[in-house]
C-alpha atoms as a PDB file:
ATOM      1  CA  MET A   1      22.062 -19.908  41.336  1.00  0.00           C
ATOM      2  CA  ALA A   2      23.796 -22.737  39.427  1.00  0.00           C
ATOM      3  CA  LEU A   3      26.609 -24.755  40.969  1.00  0.00           C
ATOM      4  CA  PRO A   4      28.403 -27.600  39.142  1.00  0.00           C
ATOM      5  CA  LEU A   5      28.549 -30.772  41.240  1.00  0.00           C
ATOM      6  CA  LEU A   6      31.972 -32.095  40.285  1.00  0.00           C
ATOM      7  CA  GLY A   7      32.944 -34.280  43.191  1.00  0.00           C
ATOM      8  CA  CYS A   8      34.510 -36.954  40.984  1.00  0.00           C
ATOM      9  CA  VAL A   9      36.809 -34.468  39.219  1.00  0.00           C
ATOM     10  CA  SER A  10      38.179 -32.570  42.196  1.00  0.00           C
ATOM     11  CA  TRP A  11      41.501 -34.230  41.343  1.00  0.00           C
ATOM     12  CA  ALA A  12      41.289 -33.385  37.636  1.00  0.00           C
ATOM     13  CA  SER A  13      44.369 -31.165  37.458  1.00  0.00           C
ATOM     14  CA  ALA A  14      46.629 -33.794  39.044  1.00  0.00           C
ATOM     15  CA  ALA A  15      48.624 -36.448  37.144  1.00  0.00           C
ATOM     16  CA  PRO A  16      48.509 -36.317  33.306  1.00  0.00           C
ATOM     17  CA  VAL A  17      46.662 -39.613  32.892  1.00  0.00           C
ATOM     18  CA  PHE A  18      44.985 -40.318  29.535  1.00  0.00           C
ATOM     19  CA  GLY A  19      41.233 -40.109  29.924  1.00  0.00           C
ATOM     20  CA  ALA A  20      41.306 -38.123  33.153  1.00  0.00           C
ATOM     21  CA  PRO A  21      39.280 -34.896  33.073  1.00  0.00           C
ATOM     22  CA  GLN A  22      41.377 -31.733  33.171  1.00  0.00           C
ATOM     23  CA  ARG A  23      40.428 -28.552  34.945  1.00  0.00           C
ATOM     24  CA  GLY A  24      41.274 -24.845  34.904  1.00  0.00           C
ATOM     25  CA  SER A  25      40.214 -21.871  36.995  1.00  0.00           C
ATOM     26  CA  ARG A  26      40.873 -18.167  36.373  1.00  0.00           C
ATOM     27  CA  ALA A  27      39.488 -14.810  37.419  1.00  0.00           C
ATOM     28  CA  LEU A  28      37.528 -13.261  34.545  1.00  0.00           C
ATOM     29  CA  MET A  29      34.664 -10.779  34.204  1.00  0.00           C
ATOM     30  CA  GLY A  30      34.680 -10.027  37.912  1.00  0.00           C
ATOM     31  CA  THR A  31      34.108 -13.648  38.873  1.00  0.00           C
ATOM     32  CA  GLN A  32      35.778 -17.066  38.776  1.00  0.00           C
ATOM     33  CA  VAL A  33      35.551 -19.000  35.518  1.00  0.00           C
ATOM     34  CA  ASP A  34      36.118 -22.758  35.801  1.00  0.00           C
ATOM     35  CA  ILE A  35      36.601 -25.187  32.926  1.00  0.00           C
ATOM     36  CA  VAL A  36      36.444 -28.977  33.012  1.00  0.00           C
ATOM     37  CA  ALA A  37      37.373 -30.867  29.822  1.00  0.00           C
ATOM     38  CA  ASP A  38      37.038 -34.622  29.453  1.00  0.00           C
ATOM     39  CA  GLY A  39      37.730 -37.366  26.919  1.00  0.00           C
ATOM     40  CA  GLY A  40      41.268 -36.923  25.638  1.00  0.00           C
ATOM     41  CA  GLU A  41      44.952 -36.868  26.444  1.00  0.00           C
ATOM     42  CA  ALA A  42      45.831 -34.527  29.281  1.00  0.00           C
ATOM     43  CA  PRO A  43      48.239 -32.273  27.297  1.00  0.00           C
ATOM     44  CA  VAL A  44      45.664 -31.833  24.510  1.00  0.00           C
ATOM     45  CA  LEU A  45      42.909 -30.961  26.960  1.00  0.00           C
ATOM     46  CA  ARG A  46      45.110 -28.530  28.847  1.00  0.00           C
ATOM     47  CA  HIS A  47      46.182 -26.789  25.654  1.00  0.00           C
ATOM     48  CA  ALA A  48      42.530 -26.449  24.615  1.00  0.00           C
ATOM     49  CA  ILE A  49      41.658 -24.998  28.023  1.00  0.00           C
ATOM     50  CA  ASP A  50      44.459 -22.426  27.713  1.00  0.00           C
ATOM     51  CA  LEU A  51      43.207 -21.381  24.277  1.00  0.00           C
ATOM     52  CA  ALA A  52      39.636 -21.072  25.581  1.00  0.00           C
ATOM     53  CA  TYR A  53      40.776 -18.756  28.370  1.00  0.00           C
ATOM     54  CA  ALA A  54      42.782 -16.683  25.892  1.00  0.00           C
ATOM     55  CA  GLU A  55      39.690 -16.157  23.736  1.00  0.00           C
ATOM     56  CA  MET A  56      37.533 -15.236  26.721  1.00  0.00           C
ATOM     57  CA  GLU A  57      40.168 -12.769  27.922  1.00  0.00           C
ATOM     58  CA  ARG A  58      40.260 -11.194  24.458  1.00  0.00           C
ATOM     59  CA  LEU A  59      36.502 -10.685  24.488  1.00  0.00           C
ATOM     60  CA  GLN A  60      36.477  -9.420  28.064  1.00  0.00           C
ATOM     61  CA  ALA A  61      38.834  -6.651  26.933  1.00  0.00           C
ATOM     62  CA  LEU A  62      36.223  -5.555  24.371  1.00  0.00           C
ATOM     63  CA  PHE A  63      33.179  -5.631  26.645  1.00  0.00           C
ATOM     64  CA  SER A  64      34.381  -4.439  30.059  1.00  0.00           C
ATOM     65  CA  ARG A  65      33.071  -1.048  31.119  1.00  0.00           C
ATOM     66  CA  TYR A  66      35.800  -0.926  33.755  1.00  0.00           C
ATOM     67  CA  ARG A  67      38.582  -0.794  31.166  1.00  0.00           C
ATOM     68  CA  PRO A  68      39.023   2.682  29.651  1.00  0.00           C
ATOM     69  CA  ASP A  69      40.415   1.170  26.435  1.00  0.00           C
ATOM     70  CA  SER A  70      37.474  -1.188  25.840  1.00  0.00           C
ATOM     71  CA  VAL A  71      35.034  -0.701  22.966  1.00  0.00           C
ATOM     72  CA  VAL A  72      32.174  -0.341  25.442  1.00  0.00           C
ATOM     73  CA  SER A  73      34.003   2.450  27.299  1.00  0.00           C
ATOM     74  CA  ARG A  74      34.681   4.244  24.017  1.00  0.00           C
ATOM     75  CA  ILE A  75      30.996   4.108  23.091  1.00  0.00           C
ATOM     76  CA  SER A  76      30.072   5.616  26.453  1.00  0.00           C
ATOM     77  CA  ARG A  77      32.699   8.384  26.230  1.00  0.00           C
ATOM     78  CA  ALA A  78      31.447   9.320  22.756  1.00  0.00           C
ATOM     79  CA  ALA A  79      27.795   9.506  23.865  1.00  0.00           C
ATOM     80  CA  GLY A  80      26.083  12.455  22.211  1.00  0.00           C
ATOM     81  CA  ILE A  81      29.234  13.216  20.210  1.00  0.00           C
ATOM     82  CA  GLN A  82      29.842  10.641  17.495  1.00  0.00           C
ATOM     83  CA  PRO A  83      29.353   6.982  16.498  1.00  0.00           C
ATOM     84  CA  VAL A  84      32.087   4.493  17.391  1.00  0.00           C
ATOM     85  CA  ALA A  85      33.321   1.655  15.192  1.00  0.00           C
ATOM     86  CA  VAL A  86      32.685  -1.708  16.846  1.00  0.00           C
ATOM     87  CA  PRO A  87      33.873  -5.227  15.980  1.00  0.00           C
ATOM     88  CA  SER A  88      31.358  -7.860  14.948  1.00  0.00           C
ATOM     89  CA  GLU A  89      31.405  -9.546  18.382  1.00  0.00           C
ATOM     90  CA  VAL A  90      30.288  -6.331  20.065  1.00  0.00           C
ATOM     91  CA  MET A  91      27.710  -5.531  17.374  1.00  0.00           C
ATOM     92  CA  GLY A  92      26.158  -8.975  17.855  1.00  0.00           C
ATOM     93  CA  VAL A  93      25.751  -8.500  21.606  1.00  0.00           C
ATOM     94  CA  LEU A  94      24.351  -4.973  21.183  1.00  0.00           C
ATOM     95  CA  LYS A  95      21.773  -6.290  18.700  1.00  0.00           C
ATOM     96  CA  THR A  96      20.784  -9.030  21.135  1.00  0.00           C
ATOM     97  CA  ALA A  97      20.423  -6.413  23.867  1.00  0.00           C
ATOM     98  CA  GLN A  98      18.041  -4.399  21.715  1.00  0.00           C
ATOM     99  CA  GLN A  99      16.000  -7.527  21.001  1.00  0.00           C
ATOM    100  CA  LYS A 100      15.762  -8.325  24.723  1.00  0.00           C
ATOM    101  CA  PHE A 101      14.758  -4.724  25.431  1.00  0.00           C
ATOM    102  CA  ARG A 102      11.801  -5.089  23.079  1.00  0.00           C
ATOM    103  CA  LEU A 103      10.951  -8.615  24.217  1.00  0.00           C
ATOM    104  CA  SER A 104      10.841  -7.577  27.880  1.00  0.00           C
ATOM    105  CA  GLY A 105       8.971  -4.319  27.347  1.00  0.00           C
ATOM    106  CA  GLY A 106      12.009  -2.353  28.504  1.00  0.00           C
ATOM    107  CA  ALA A 107      12.758  -4.436  31.600  1.00  0.00           C
ATOM    108  CA  PHE A 108      16.162  -5.329  30.194  1.00  0.00           C
ATOM    109  CA  ASP A 109      18.081  -2.182  29.292  1.00  0.00           C
ATOM    110  CA  ILE A 110      21.872  -2.010  28.869  1.00  0.00           C
ATOM    111  CA  THR A 111      21.834   1.783  29.232  1.00  0.00           C
ATOM    112  CA  VAL A 112      21.478   1.278  33.001  1.00  0.00           C
ATOM    113  CA  GLY A 113      25.192   2.015  32.818  1.00  0.00           C
ATOM    114  CA  SER A 114      23.999   5.645  32.846  1.00  0.00           C
ATOM    115  CA  LEU A 115      23.199   5.164  36.564  1.00  0.00           C
ATOM    116  CA  LYS A 116      26.789   5.989  37.435  1.00  0.00           C
ATOM    117  CA  GLY A 117      26.092   6.949  41.040  1.00  0.00           C
ATOM    118  CA  TRP A 118      25.905   3.313  42.090  1.00  0.00           C
ATOM    119  CA  ASN A 119      29.110   1.436  42.884  1.00  0.00           C
ATOM    120  CA  PHE A 120      29.140  -2.199  43.966  1.00  0.00           C
ATOM    121  CA  GLU A 121      32.910  -2.729  43.926  1.00  0.00           C
ATOM    122  CA  GLU A 122      34.353  -3.818  47.263  1.00  0.00           C
ATOM    123  CA  GLY A 123      35.824  -0.872  49.113  1.00  0.00           C
ATOM    124  CA  HIS A 124      33.993   1.647  46.911  1.00  0.00           C
ATOM    125  CA  GLN A 125      30.363   0.734  47.551  1.00  0.00           C
ATOM    126  CA  THR A 126      28.091   3.739  47.110  1.00  0.00           C
ATOM    127  CA  VAL A 127      24.372   4.468  47.324  1.00  0.00           C
ATOM    128  CA  PRO A 128      23.704   7.677  45.351  1.00  0.00           C
ATOM    129  CA  ALA A 129      21.440  10.428  46.606  1.00  0.00           C
ATOM    130  CA  ALA A 130      17.853  10.317  45.352  1.00  0.00           C
ATOM    131  CA  GLY A 131      18.391  13.429  43.267  1.00  0.00           C
ATOM    132  CA  VAL A 132      21.375  11.853  41.515  1.00  0.00           C
ATOM    133  CA  VAL A 133      19.355   8.737  40.717  1.00  0.00           C
ATOM    134  CA  ALA A 134      16.498  10.849  39.361  1.00  0.00           C
ATOM    135  CA  ARG A 135      18.791  12.834  37.053  1.00  0.00           C
ATOM    136  CA  GLN A 136      20.696   9.828  35.781  1.00  0.00           C
ATOM    137  CA  ARG A 137      17.494   7.826  35.357  1.00  0.00           C
ATOM    138  CA  GLN A 138      16.512  10.272  32.588  1.00  0.00           C
ATOM    139  CA  LEU A 139      19.451   8.959  30.537  1.00  0.00           C
ATOM    140  CA  VAL A 140      18.331   5.323  30.685  1.00  0.00           C
ATOM    141  CA  ASP A 141      16.651   4.460  27.398  1.00  0.00           C
ATOM    142  CA  ALA A 142      17.908   1.721  25.080  1.00  0.00           C
ATOM    143  CA  ARG A 143      15.957   3.269  22.213  1.00  0.00           C
ATOM    144  CA  ARG A 144      18.677   5.930  22.125  1.00  0.00           C
ATOM    145  CA  LEU A 145      21.313   3.344  21.235  1.00  0.00           C
ATOM    146  CA  VAL A 146      21.707   3.653  17.461  1.00  0.00           C
ATOM    147  CA  LEU A 147      23.303   0.737  15.628  1.00  0.00           C
ATOM    148  CA  ASP A 148      24.419   1.027  12.013  1.00  0.00           C
ATOM    149  CA  GLU A 149      25.314  -2.465  10.848  1.00  0.00           C
ATOM    150  CA  SER A 150      26.361  -1.365   7.377  1.00  0.00           C
ATOM    151  CA  ALA A 151      28.832   1.143   8.819  1.00  0.00           C
ATOM    152  CA  GLY A 152      29.701  -1.097  11.774  1.00  0.00           C
ATOM    153  CA  THR A 153      29.072   1.644  14.361  1.00  0.00           C
ATOM    154  CA  ALA A 154      27.241   2.180  17.656  1.00  0.00           C
ATOM    155  CA  TYR A 155      26.090   5.535  19.010  1.00  0.00           C
ATOM    156  CA  LEU A 156      24.486   6.681  22.254  1.00  0.00           C
ATOM    157  CA  ALA A 157      22.364   9.686  21.372  1.00  0.00           C
ATOM    158  CA  ARG A 158      22.678  11.741  24.586  1.00  0.00           C
ATOM    159  CA  GLN A 159      25.748  12.918  26.436  1.00  0.00           C
ATOM    160  CA  GLY A 160      26.075  11.265  29.826  1.00  0.00           C
ATOM    161  CA  MET A 161      24.620   7.955  28.663  1.00  0.00           C
ATOM    162  CA  ALA A 162      26.654   4.799  29.260  1.00  0.00           C
ATOM    163  CA  LEU A 163      26.440   1.066  28.616  1.00  0.00           C
ATOM    164  CA  ASP A 164      26.579  -1.804  31.078  1.00  0.00           C
ATOM    165  CA  LEU A 165      26.734  -5.180  29.317  1.00  0.00           C
ATOM    166  CA  GLY A 166      27.121  -7.182  32.521  1.00  0.00           C
ATOM    167  CA  GLY A 167      23.739  -8.830  32.033  1.00  0.00           C
ATOM    168  CA  ILE A 168      24.259  -9.913  28.439  1.00  0.00           C
ATOM    169  CA  ALA A 169      27.977 -10.204  27.558  1.00  0.00           C
ATOM    170  CA  LYS A 170      29.075 -12.931  29.968  1.00  0.00           C
ATOM    171  CA  LEU A 171      27.190 -15.817  28.373  1.00  0.00           C
ATOM    172  CA  PRO A 172      28.470 -15.073  24.837  1.00  0.00           C
ATOM    173  CA  ILE A 173      32.015 -14.864  26.234  1.00  0.00           C
ATOM    174  CA  LEU A 174      31.606 -18.247  27.931  1.00  0.00           C
ATOM    175  CA  GLU A 175      30.070 -19.591  24.732  1.00  0.00           C
ATOM    176  CA  ALA A 176      33.127 -18.414  22.797  1.00  0.00           C
ATOM    177  CA  GLY A 177      35.329 -20.345  25.209  1.00  0.00           C
ATOM    178  CA  MET A 178      33.237 -23.452  24.637  1.00  0.00           C
ATOM    179  CA  ARG A 179      33.488 -22.948  20.884  1.00  0.00           C
ATOM    180  CA  VAL A 180      37.296 -22.933  21.121  1.00  0.00           C
ATOM    181  CA  LEU A 181      37.233 -26.184  23.087  1.00  0.00           C
ATOM    182  CA  ARG A 182      35.058 -27.757  20.397  1.00  0.00           C
ATOM    183  CA  GLN A 183      37.363 -26.510  17.634  1.00  0.00           C
ATOM    184  CA  GLN A 184      40.264 -28.137  19.458  1.00  0.00           C
ATOM    185  CA  GLY A 185      38.523 -31.504  19.339  1.00  0.00           C
ATOM    186  CA  VAL A 186      37.149 -31.522  22.891  1.00  0.00           C
ATOM    187  CA  GLY A 187      33.779 -33.268  22.918  1.00  0.00           C
ATOM    188  CA  ASN A 188      32.942 -33.120  26.617  1.00  0.00           C
ATOM    189  CA  ALA A 189      33.314 -29.951  28.672  1.00  0.00           C
ATOM    190  CA  LEU A 190      31.787 -27.686  31.280  1.00  0.00           C
ATOM    191  CA  ILE A 191      32.378 -23.960  31.747  1.00  0.00           C
ATOM    192  CA  ASN A 192      31.107 -22.250  34.884  1.00  0.00           C
ATOM    193  CA  GLY A 193      31.282 -18.479  35.094  1.00  0.00           C
ATOM    194  CA  GLY A 194      29.911 -17.237  38.395  1.00  0.00           C
ATOM    195  CA  GLY A 195      26.820 -19.444  38.316  1.00  0.00           C
ATOM    196  CA  ASP A 196      26.276 -19.484  34.558  1.00  0.00           C
ATOM    197  CA  VAL A 197      27.039 -23.027  33.397  1.00  0.00           C
ATOM    198  CA  LEU A 198      27.528 -24.267  29.824  1.00  0.00           C
ATOM    199  CA  VAL A 199      28.026 -27.943  29.048  1.00  0.00           C
ATOM    200  CA  MET A 200      28.645 -30.129  26.033  1.00  0.00           C
ATOM    201  CA  GLY A 201      28.720 -33.909  25.960  1.00  0.00           C
ATOM    202  CA  GLN A 202      29.077 -35.802  29.218  1.00  0.00           C
ATOM    203  CA  LEU A 203      31.462 -36.307  32.132  1.00  0.00           C
ATOM    204  CA  GLN A 204      33.046 -39.764  32.174  1.00  0.00           C
ATOM    205  CA  GLY A 205      30.087 -41.181  30.254  1.00  0.00           C
ATOM    206  CA  ARG A 206      27.424 -39.712  32.530  1.00  0.00           C
ATOM    207  CA  PRO A 207      25.364 -36.500  32.451  1.00  0.00           C
ATOM    208  CA  TRP A 208      26.826 -33.424  34.081  1.00  0.00           C
ATOM    209  CA  ARG A 209      25.311 -32.554  37.452  1.00  0.00           C
ATOM    210  CA  VAL A 210      24.411 -28.931  38.174  1.00  0.00           C
ATOM    211  CA  GLY A 211      22.943 -27.870  41.504  1.00  0.00           C
ATOM    212  CA  LEU A 212      20.547 -24.931  41.856  1.00  0.00           C
ATOM    213  CA  ARG A 213      21.280 -22.769  44.865  1.00  0.00           C
ATOM    214  CA  ASP A 214      18.575 -21.382  47.112  1.00  0.00           C
ATOM    215  CA  PRO A 215      19.014 -17.577  46.898  1.00  0.00           C
ATOM    216  CA  ARG A 216      17.560 -17.265  50.395  1.00  0.00           C
ATOM    217  CA  ALA A 217      20.410 -19.462  51.707  1.00  0.00           C
ATOM    218  CA  PRO A 218      23.070 -19.901  48.962  1.00  0.00           C
ATOM    219  CA  GLU A 219      24.832 -22.665  50.878  1.00  0.00           C
ATOM    220  CA  ARG A 220      21.715 -24.821  50.371  1.00  0.00           C
ATOM    221  CA  LEU A 221      20.514 -26.457  47.131  1.00  0.00           C
ATOM    222  CA  LEU A 222      16.943 -26.432  45.879  1.00  0.00           C
ATOM    223  CA  GLY A 223      17.742 -29.417  43.667  1.00  0.00           C
ATOM    224  CA  ALA A 224      20.074 -30.747  41.010  1.00  0.00           C
ATOM    225  CA  LEU A 225      19.866 -31.089  37.243  1.00  0.00           C
ATOM    226  CA  SER A 226      21.362 -33.905  35.173  1.00  0.00           C
ATOM    227  CA  VAL A 227      22.233 -32.347  31.825  1.00  0.00           C
ATOM    228  CA  GLN A 228      23.917 -33.533  28.647  1.00  0.00           C
ATOM    229  CA  GLY A 229      25.253 -30.956  26.255  1.00  0.00           C
ATOM    230  CA  PRO A 230      24.656 -28.819  24.545  1.00  0.00           C
ATOM    231  CA  ALA A 231      22.900 -27.079  27.419  1.00  0.00           C
ATOM    232  CA  VAL A 232      23.088 -23.904  29.460  1.00  0.00           C
ATOM    233  CA  VAL A 233      21.976 -23.181  33.017  1.00  0.00           C
ATOM    234  CA  ALA A 234      21.929 -19.400  33.508  1.00  0.00           C
ATOM    235  CA  SER A 235      21.374 -17.665  36.825  1.00  0.00           C
ATOM    236  CA  SER A 236      20.649 -14.205  38.167  1.00  0.00           C
ATOM    237  CA  GLY A 237      20.166 -13.206  41.801  1.00  0.00           C
ATOM    238  CA  ASP A 238      20.453 -10.600  44.511  1.00  0.00           C
ATOM    239  CA  TYR A 239      22.878 -12.624  46.628  1.00  0.00           C
ATOM    240  CA  GLU A 240      26.125 -12.526  44.611  1.00  0.00           C
ATOM    241  CA  ARG A 241      27.105  -8.844  44.415  1.00  0.00           C
ATOM    242  CA  TYR A 242      25.529  -6.839  47.195  1.00  0.00           C
ATOM    243  CA  PHE A 243      26.262  -4.829  50.310  1.00  0.00           C
ATOM    244  CA  LEU A 244      24.284  -3.649  53.314  1.00  0.00           C
ATOM    245  CA  ALA A 245      23.306   0.009  53.620  1.00  0.00           C
ATOM    246  CA  ALA A 246      21.294   1.169  56.623  1.00  0.00           C
ATOM    247  CA  GLY A 247      20.580  -2.480  57.365  1.00  0.00           C
ATOM    248  CA  LYS A 248      19.143  -3.108  53.896  1.00  0.00           C
ATOM    249  CA  ARG A 249      20.571  -5.354  51.199  1.00  0.00           C
ATOM    250  CA  VAL A 250      21.540  -3.395  48.102  1.00  0.00           C
ATOM    251  CA  HIS A 251      22.339  -5.534  45.045  1.00  0.00           C
ATOM    252  CA  HIS A 252      23.745  -4.872  41.581  1.00  0.00           C
ATOM    253  CA  ILE A 253      20.780  -5.657  39.307  1.00  0.00           C
ATOM    254  CA  LEU A 254      19.220  -2.251  38.692  1.00  0.00           C
ATOM    255  CA  ASP A 255      15.667  -1.641  37.538  1.00  0.00           C
ATOM    256  CA  PRO A 256      15.836   0.715  34.527  1.00  0.00           C
ATOM    257  CA  ARG A 257      12.360   1.998  35.353  1.00  0.00           C
ATOM    258  CA  THR A 258      13.265   3.216  38.871  1.00  0.00           C
ATOM    259  CA  GLY A 259      17.049   3.531  38.928  1.00  0.00           C
ATOM    260  CA  TYR A 260      17.196   1.344  42.048  1.00  0.00           C
ATOM    261  CA  PRO A 261      17.945  -2.362  42.653  1.00  0.00           C
ATOM    262  CA  THR A 262      15.165  -4.729  41.663  1.00  0.00           C
ATOM    263  CA  VAL A 263      12.651  -5.987  44.211  1.00  0.00           C
ATOM    264  CA  GLY A 264      10.221  -8.879  44.212  1.00  0.00           C
ATOM    265  CA  VAL A 265      12.484 -11.721  43.020  1.00  0.00           C
ATOM    266  CA  HIS A 266      15.502 -13.077  44.903  1.00  0.00           C
ATOM    267  CA  GLY A 267      16.855 -15.274  42.140  1.00  0.00           C
ATOM    268  CA  VAL A 268      16.246 -16.935  38.786  1.00  0.00           C
ATOM    269  CA  SER A 269      17.667 -20.083  37.182  1.00  0.00           C
ATOM    270  CA  LEU A 270      17.056 -20.863  33.519  1.00  0.00           C
ATOM    271  CA  LEU A 271      17.632 -24.082  31.582  1.00  0.00           C
ATOM    272  CA  ALA A 272      17.868 -24.194  27.776  1.00  0.00           C
ATOM    273  CA  ARG A 273      19.736 -25.767  24.891  1.00  0.00           C
ATOM    274  CA  ASP A 274      21.716 -22.703  23.868  1.00  0.00           C
ATOM    275  CA  VAL A 275      22.820 -19.276  25.057  1.00  0.00           C
ATOM    276  CA  ALA A 276      20.664 -17.291  22.610  1.00  0.00           C
ATOM    277  CA  GLN A 277      17.489 -18.560  24.287  1.00  0.00           C
ATOM    278  CA  VAL A 278      18.334 -17.207  27.742  1.00  0.00           C
ATOM    279  CA  ASN A 279      20.868 -14.413  27.297  1.00  0.00           C
ATOM    280  CA  GLY A 280      19.623 -11.318  29.143  1.00  0.00           C
ATOM    281  CA  LEU A 281      16.449 -13.090  30.216  1.00  0.00           C
ATOM    282  CA  GLY A 282      17.442 -13.591  33.863  1.00  0.00           C
ATOM    283  CA  ALA A 283      17.954  -9.877  34.489  1.00  0.00           C
ATOM    284  CA  ALA A 284      14.669  -9.102  32.722  1.00  0.00           C
ATOM    285  CA  LEU A 285      12.827 -11.528  35.008  1.00  0.00           C
ATOM    286  CA  MET A 286      14.430  -9.958  38.088  1.00  0.00           C
ATOM    287  CA  VAL A 287      13.116  -6.575  36.930  1.00  0.00           C
ATOM    288  CA  GLN A 288       9.649  -7.722  35.866  1.00  0.00           C
ATOM    289  CA  GLY A 289       8.861  -9.612  39.048  1.00  0.00           C
ATOM    290  CA  ALA A 290       7.409 -13.060  39.643  1.00  0.00           C
ATOM    291  CA  GLN A 291       3.987 -12.768  37.996  1.00  0.00           C
ATOM    292  CA  ALA A 292       5.056 -10.947  34.831  1.00  0.00           C
ATOM    293  CA  GLY A 293       8.185 -13.092  34.731  1.00  0.00           C
ATOM    294  CA  GLN A 294       6.164 -16.292  34.602  1.00  0.00           C
ATOM    295  CA  ALA A 295       4.231 -14.951  31.634  1.00  0.00           C
ATOM    296  CA  LEU A 296       7.466 -14.006  29.870  1.00  0.00           C
ATOM    297  CA  VAL A 297       8.929 -17.484  30.392  1.00  0.00           C
ATOM    298  CA  ALA A 298       5.760 -19.035  29.001  1.00  0.00           C
ATOM    299  CA  ARG A 299       6.407 -17.174  25.738  1.00  0.00           C
ATOM    300  CA  GLN A 300       9.945 -18.596  25.382  1.00  0.00           C
ATOM    301  CA  PRO A 301       9.836 -22.067  23.758  1.00  0.00           C
ATOM    302  CA  GLY A 302      12.496 -24.411  25.067  1.00  0.00           C
ATOM    303  CA  VAL A 303      13.263 -22.340  28.180  1.00  0.00           C
ATOM    304  CA  GLU A 304      12.593 -23.717  31.653  1.00  0.00           C
ATOM    305  CA  ALA A 305      12.784 -21.579  34.777  1.00  0.00           C
ATOM    306  CA  LEU A 306      12.924 -21.514  38.550  1.00  0.00           C
ATOM    307  CA  MET A 307      12.133 -18.212  40.279  1.00  0.00           C
ATOM    308  CA  VAL A 308      12.305 -17.511  43.996  1.00  0.00           C
ATOM    309  CA  ALA A 309      10.127 -14.533  44.907  1.00  0.00           C
ATOM    310  CA  GLY A 310      10.708 -11.937  47.573  1.00  0.00           C
ATOM    311  CA  ASP A 311       8.179 -13.609  49.870  1.00  0.00           C
ATOM    312  CA  GLY A 312      10.243 -16.813  49.754  1.00  0.00           C
ATOM    313  CA  SER A 313       7.912 -18.767  47.476  1.00  0.00           C
ATOM    314  CA  ALA A 314       9.446 -20.703  44.596  1.00  0.00           C
ATOM    315  CA  TRP A 315       7.898 -21.107  41.147  1.00  0.00           C
ATOM    316  CA  TYR A 316       8.968 -23.874  38.748  1.00  0.00           C
ATOM    317  CA  SER A 317       8.014 -24.156  35.118  1.00  0.00           C
ATOM    318  CA  ALA A 318       6.679 -27.622  34.304  1.00  0.00           C
ATOM    319  CA  GLY A 319       9.845 -28.572  32.442  1.00  0.00           C
ATOM    320  CA  MET A 320      12.119 -27.351  35.243  1.00  0.00           C
ATOM    321  CA  ALA A 321      10.144 -29.299  37.840  1.00  0.00           C
ATOM    322  CA  ALA A 322      10.431 -32.433  35.698  1.00  0.00           C
ATOM    323  CA  ALA A 323      14.160 -31.893  35.111  1.00  0.00           C
ATOM    324  CA  LEU A 324      14.795 -31.500  38.852  1.00  0.00           C
ATOM    325  CA  ALA A 325      12.769 -34.654  39.547  1.00  0.00           C
ATOM    326  CA  ARG A 326      14.971 -36.565  37.066  1.00  0.00           C
ATOM    327  CA  GLY A 327      18.093 -35.068  38.613  1.00  0.00           C
ATOM    328  CA  ALA A 328      17.074 -36.280  42.065  1.00  0.00           C
ATOM    329  CA  VAL A 329      17.196 -39.917  40.933  1.00  0.00           C
END
């Protein structure tokens, strides 16, 4: 539900003036990833942006379940057969996924990739038959993902199981892009990947502005945050990837307990200092629902949240309410 408010840098990719913010935009991870870098000479900033995209593209190739040559696809093909060697970047995300599985009581489960009957890609949208969902639901169980850190391998214990890292790989990929910018000497930057926003430093000496969309009407804002990096605003919702079937909205965040799209929460926005605090948490809150989700947020120090429930009511943690009040000034 996050939207960078960058009115003053809409011209950023124009003339190579020293001190002018520079901007890039590319299609990655099934969405648009935008970068704004500020506080240096234009050629230096542009080179740093190019390197950041190159790193994110490299990681996307490891994590994408839509690429048959990706590590994630190899793990899924070898399910029930043999362990697969994985690079450290993939092992780190898989470990985080297991931690979030335990933290959420199973609400966040990357083996929802086993629910292969669903397809949310434009032109191929599919609602599987109830019997298909029931059979594939039996394969959803993150406890059957076996990680061997000493051997550097990952193994799905039953044939037919598959991984979907869409709810937990994007933020680390964006974070890697930000890390490259920092290594290149960029001190002020914003990366927006489909509503997940990472920032460091400031924009032209002022805090970055990030609007929070209303999932009931995404063209409308519920408020705006003024943030100085490091910070992350992470979002999950039922309004980005969805289609209508029999007059009903069908969205891509699947409940591992039922095999069907989540119900009860339209959207979640989270505010924290770093990616580790919120990675995977938005999807877990969508699955758990508003009441259980509030309790889960309360157990996460340093995380602020906004949740819009299915009945249209909005819940703000105390820190999120205060941050939005400051952003309105």
